[in-house]
C-alpha atoms as a PDB file:
ATOM      1  CA  MET A   1     -47.042  18.872  53.339  1.00  0.00           C
ATOM      2  CA  PHE A   2     -44.628  16.742  51.012  1.00  0.00           C
ATOM      3  CA  GLU A   3     -42.682  19.984  49.251  1.00  0.00           C
ATOM      4  CA  GLN A   4     -42.073  20.701  53.049  1.00  0.00           C
ATOM      5  CA  ASP A   5     -40.553  17.927  54.367  1.00  0.00           C
ATOM      6  CA  ILE A   6     -37.964  18.138  51.629  1.00  0.00           C
ATOM      7  CA  SER A   7     -37.384  21.221  52.451  1.00  0.00           C
ATOM      8  CA  ALA A   8     -36.858  20.510  56.255  1.00  0.00           C
ATOM      9  CA  ILE A   9     -34.760  17.512  55.205  1.00  0.00           C
ATOM     10  CA  GLN A  10     -32.350  19.722  53.173  1.00  0.00           C
ATOM     11  CA  ALA A  11     -32.009  22.404  55.707  1.00  0.00           C
ATOM     12  CA  VAL A  12     -30.878  19.510  58.601  1.00  0.00           C
ATOM     13  CA  ILE A  13     -28.945  18.113  56.035  1.00  0.00           C
ATOM     14  CA  THR A  14     -27.319  21.492  55.377  1.00  0.00           C
ATOM     15  CA  ASN A  15     -26.728  21.674  59.008  1.00  0.00           C
ATOM     16  CA  TYR A  16     -24.969  18.276  58.732  1.00  0.00           C
ATOM     17  CA  PHE A  17     -22.415  19.394  56.265  1.00  0.00           C
ATOM     18  CA  ASP A  18     -22.017  22.658  57.476  1.00  0.00           C
ATOM     19  CA  GLY A  19     -20.757  21.065  60.801  1.00  0.00           C
ATOM     20  CA  ILE A  20     -18.685  18.823  59.227  1.00  0.00           C
ATOM     21  CA  PHE A  21     -17.319  20.988  56.421  1.00  0.00           C
ATOM     22  CA  TYR A  22     -16.832  23.820  59.184  1.00  0.00           C
ATOM     23  CA  GLY A  23     -16.236  21.875  62.531  1.00  0.00           C
ATOM     24  CA  ASP A  24     -19.464  23.447  63.863  1.00  0.00           C
ATOM     25  CA  VAL A  25     -19.414  20.825  66.169  1.00  0.00           C
ATOM     26  CA  LYS A  26     -22.804  22.649  67.977  1.00  0.00           C
ATOM     27  CA  LYS A  27     -24.677  23.285  64.671  1.00  0.00           C
ATOM     28  CA  LEU A  28     -24.095  19.410  63.741  1.00  0.00           C
ATOM     29  CA  GLU A  29     -24.996  18.396  66.471  1.00  0.00           C
ATOM     30  CA  THR A  30     -28.624  19.666  65.859  1.00  0.00           C
ATOM     31  CA  ALA A  31     -29.227  17.065  62.728  1.00  0.00           C
ATOM     32  CA  PHE A  32     -29.029  14.674  64.734  1.00  0.00           C
ATOM     33  CA  HIS A  33     -31.379  12.440  67.461  1.00  0.00           C
ATOM     34  CA  PRO A  34     -28.876  12.033  70.161  1.00  0.00           C
ATOM     35  CA  GLN A  35     -28.637   8.526  70.376  1.00  0.00           C
ATOM     36  CA  CYS A  36     -27.580   8.105  66.606  1.00  0.00           C
ATOM     37  CA  LEU A  37     -25.428   5.424  65.801  1.00  0.00           C
ATOM     38  CA  LEU A  38     -22.706   5.607  63.422  1.00  0.00           C
ATOM     39  CA  PHE A  39     -21.525   2.711  61.158  1.00  0.00           C
ATOM     40  CA  GLY A  40     -19.204   2.211  57.993  1.00  0.00           C
ATOM     41  CA  ASP A  41     -15.861   1.341  56.673  1.00  0.00           C
ATOM     42  CA  ILE A  42     -13.034   3.646  55.351  1.00  0.00           C
ATOM     43  CA  ASN A  43     -11.046   1.698  53.303  1.00  0.00           C
ATOM     44  CA  GLY A  44     -12.219  -1.579  54.664  1.00  0.00           C
ATOM     45  CA  GLN A  45     -11.629  -1.080  58.209  1.00  0.00           C
ATOM     46  CA  PRO A  46     -14.722  -1.110  60.193  1.00  0.00           C
ATOM     47  CA  TYR A  47     -15.955   2.115  62.124  1.00  0.00           C
ATOM     48  CA  PHE A  48     -18.950   2.122  64.303  1.00  0.00           C
ATOM     49  CA  LYS A  49     -19.384   5.463  66.786  1.00  0.00           C
ATOM     50  CA  ASN A  50     -22.240   6.695  69.437  1.00  0.00           C
ATOM     51  CA  LEU A  51     -23.296  10.295  68.180  1.00  0.00           C
ATOM     52  CA  GLN A  52     -21.359  11.666  71.553  1.00  0.00           C
ATOM     53  CA  ASP A  53     -17.637   9.947  70.424  1.00  0.00           C
ATOM     54  CA  TYR A  54     -18.278  11.037  66.565  1.00  0.00           C
ATOM     55  CA  LEU A  55     -18.840  15.153  67.709  1.00  0.00           C
ATOM     56  CA  LEU A  56     -15.416  14.172  69.727  1.00  0.00           C
ATOM     57  CA  GLY A  57     -14.127  13.215  66.792  1.00  0.00           C
ATOM     58  CA  VAL A  58     -15.114  15.969  64.795  1.00  0.00           C
ATOM     59  CA  SER A  59     -14.188  18.517  67.455  1.00  0.00           C
ATOM     60  CA  ASN A  60     -10.643  17.209  67.457  1.00  0.00           C
ATOM     61  CA  ARG A  61      -9.381  17.129  64.002  1.00  0.00           C
ATOM     62  CA  LYS A  62      -8.564  20.340  61.494  1.00  0.00           C
ATOM     63  CA  SER A  63     -11.972  20.943  59.437  1.00  0.00           C
ATOM     64  CA  PRO A  64     -12.349  20.790  55.770  1.00  0.00           C
ATOM     65  CA  ASN A  65     -12.552  24.436  55.832  1.00  0.00           C
ATOM     66  CA  ASP A  66      -9.623  24.990  57.911  1.00  0.00           C
ATOM     67  CA  LEU A  67      -7.531  22.255  55.324  1.00  0.00           C
ATOM     68  CA  GLY A  68      -8.992  24.623  52.591  1.00  0.00           C
ATOM     69  CA  GLU A  69     -10.764  22.248  50.702  1.00  0.00           C
ATOM     70  CA  GLU A  70     -13.413  22.792  48.454  1.00  0.00           C
ATOM     71  CA  PHE A  71     -17.412  22.302  49.843  1.00  0.00           C
ATOM     72  CA  GLY A  72     -18.535  19.507  47.003  1.00  0.00           C
ATOM     73  CA  MET A  73     -20.729  18.147  49.447  1.00  0.00           C
ATOM     74  CA  LYS A  74     -24.190  17.311  47.611  1.00  0.00           C
ATOM     75  CA  ILE A  75     -27.378  15.361  48.163  1.00  0.00           C
ATOM     76  CA  LEU A  76     -27.880  12.822  45.834  1.00  0.00           C
ATOM     77  CA  GLY A  77     -31.269  11.629  46.700  1.00  0.00           C
ATOM     78  CA  VAL A  78     -34.211  11.678  49.232  1.00  0.00           C
ATOM     79  CA  GLU A  79     -36.977   9.451  49.539  1.00  0.00           C
ATOM     80  CA  VAL A  80     -39.408  10.041  52.333  1.00  0.00           C
ATOM     81  CA  LEU A  81     -42.881   7.860  53.290  1.00  0.00           C
ATOM     82  CA  ASN A  82     -44.727   8.672  55.942  1.00  0.00           C
ATOM     83  CA  GLU A  83     -42.531   9.957  59.159  1.00  0.00           C
ATOM     84  CA  ILE A  84     -39.229   8.143  58.122  1.00  0.00           C
ATOM     85  CA  ALA A  85     -36.842   9.263  55.212  1.00  0.00           C
ATOM     86  CA  SER A  86     -33.543   7.985  53.467  1.00  0.00           C
ATOM     87  CA  VAL A  87     -30.805  10.461  52.260  1.00  0.00           C
ATOM     88  CA  LYS A  88     -28.193   9.686  49.885  1.00  0.00           C
ATOM     89  CA  LEU A  89     -25.130  11.877  50.122  1.00  0.00           C
ATOM     90  CA  HIS A  90     -21.841  12.348  48.548  1.00  0.00           C
ATOM     91  CA  VAL A  91     -19.433  13.267  50.875  1.00  0.00           C
ATOM     92  CA  PRO A  92     -15.820  14.233  49.513  1.00  0.00           C
ATOM     93  CA  MET A  93     -13.767  15.587  52.595  1.00  0.00           C
ATOM     94  CA  LEU A  94     -10.339  15.130  53.919  1.00  0.00           C
ATOM     95  CA  GLY A  95      -9.048  13.023  51.409  1.00  0.00           C
ATOM     96  CA  TYR A  96     -12.175  10.844  50.963  1.00  0.00           C
ATOM     97  CA  ASN A  97     -14.618  10.355  48.628  1.00  0.00           C
ATOM     98  CA  TYR A  98     -17.300   9.546  51.458  1.00  0.00           C
ATOM     99  CA  TYR A  99     -20.975   8.258  50.426  1.00  0.00           C
ATOM    100  CA  ASP A 100     -23.591   8.338  52.987  1.00  0.00           C
ATOM    101  CA  TYR A 101     -26.725   6.448  53.460  1.00  0.00           C
ATOM    102  CA  ILE A 102     -29.044   9.021  56.120  1.00  0.00           C
ATOM    103  CA  SER A 103     -31.814   7.472  57.891  1.00  0.00           C
ATOM    104  CA  MET A 104     -33.909  10.025  59.326  1.00  0.00           C
ATOM    105  CA  SER A 105     -37.400  10.549  61.706  1.00  0.00           C
ATOM    106  CA  ARG A 106     -39.985  13.387  61.994  1.00  0.00           C
ATOM    107  CA  ILE A 107     -39.468  13.196  65.807  1.00  0.00           C
ATOM    108  CA  ASP A 108     -42.162  15.573  67.650  1.00  0.00           C
ATOM    109  CA  GLY A 109     -42.432  17.315  63.801  1.00  0.00           C
ATOM    110  CA  ASN A 110     -38.927  17.769  63.285  1.00  0.00           C
ATOM    111  CA  TRP A 111     -36.515  15.756  61.182  1.00  0.00           C
ATOM    112  CA  VAL A 112     -33.651  14.841  62.376  1.00  0.00           C
ATOM    113  CA  ILE A 113     -30.737  12.018  61.704  1.00  0.00           C
ATOM    114  CA  VAL A 114     -31.210   8.785  63.615  1.00  0.00           C
ATOM    115  CA  ASN A 115     -28.568   6.896  61.303  1.00  0.00           C
ATOM    116  CA  LYS A 116     -25.544   7.021  59.607  1.00  0.00           C
ATOM    117  CA  MET A 117     -24.207   4.515  57.335  1.00  0.00           C
ATOM    118  CA  PHE A 118     -21.107   5.423  55.293  1.00  0.00           C
ATOM    119  CA  THR A 119     -18.552   4.105  52.807  1.00  0.00           C
ATOM    120  CA  ASN A 120     -15.001   6.108  51.040  1.00  0.00           C
ATOM    121  CA  VAL A 121     -14.928   4.696  47.654  1.00  0.00           C
ATOM    122  CA  ASP A 122     -12.287   4.665  46.365  1.00  0.00           C
ATOM    123  CA  THR A 123     -11.204   6.952  43.208  1.00  0.00           C
ATOM    124  CA  GLY A 124      -8.275   5.333  41.376  1.00  0.00           C
ATOM    125  CA  LYS A 125      -5.937   8.616  41.736  1.00  0.00           C
END
């Protein structure tokens, strides 16, 4: 069961990555629970959005792909315990060096993102 969980989680994260990289809001939305909350900071400025506001923001910006960026997103770690999982991601895009901490839950047999926390780490460039 554990390997199936990892594969299912990776599939959800792939939809998340593809959604934000290509600006595919429909694909991005499939990765999240509808009541997901997103918290973080961008260069020290607090960030908080519900899922609908987040999706609206993604739909109203140029995607990293449209801007000619190279895809560099990757999974750094996954931990699964029973029906919950924690996933650490590196998400460089749009001139930022984001690290995401994703909380997931298996709901009705499907893994979904229930919370996203993130920060931009200054690379000193």
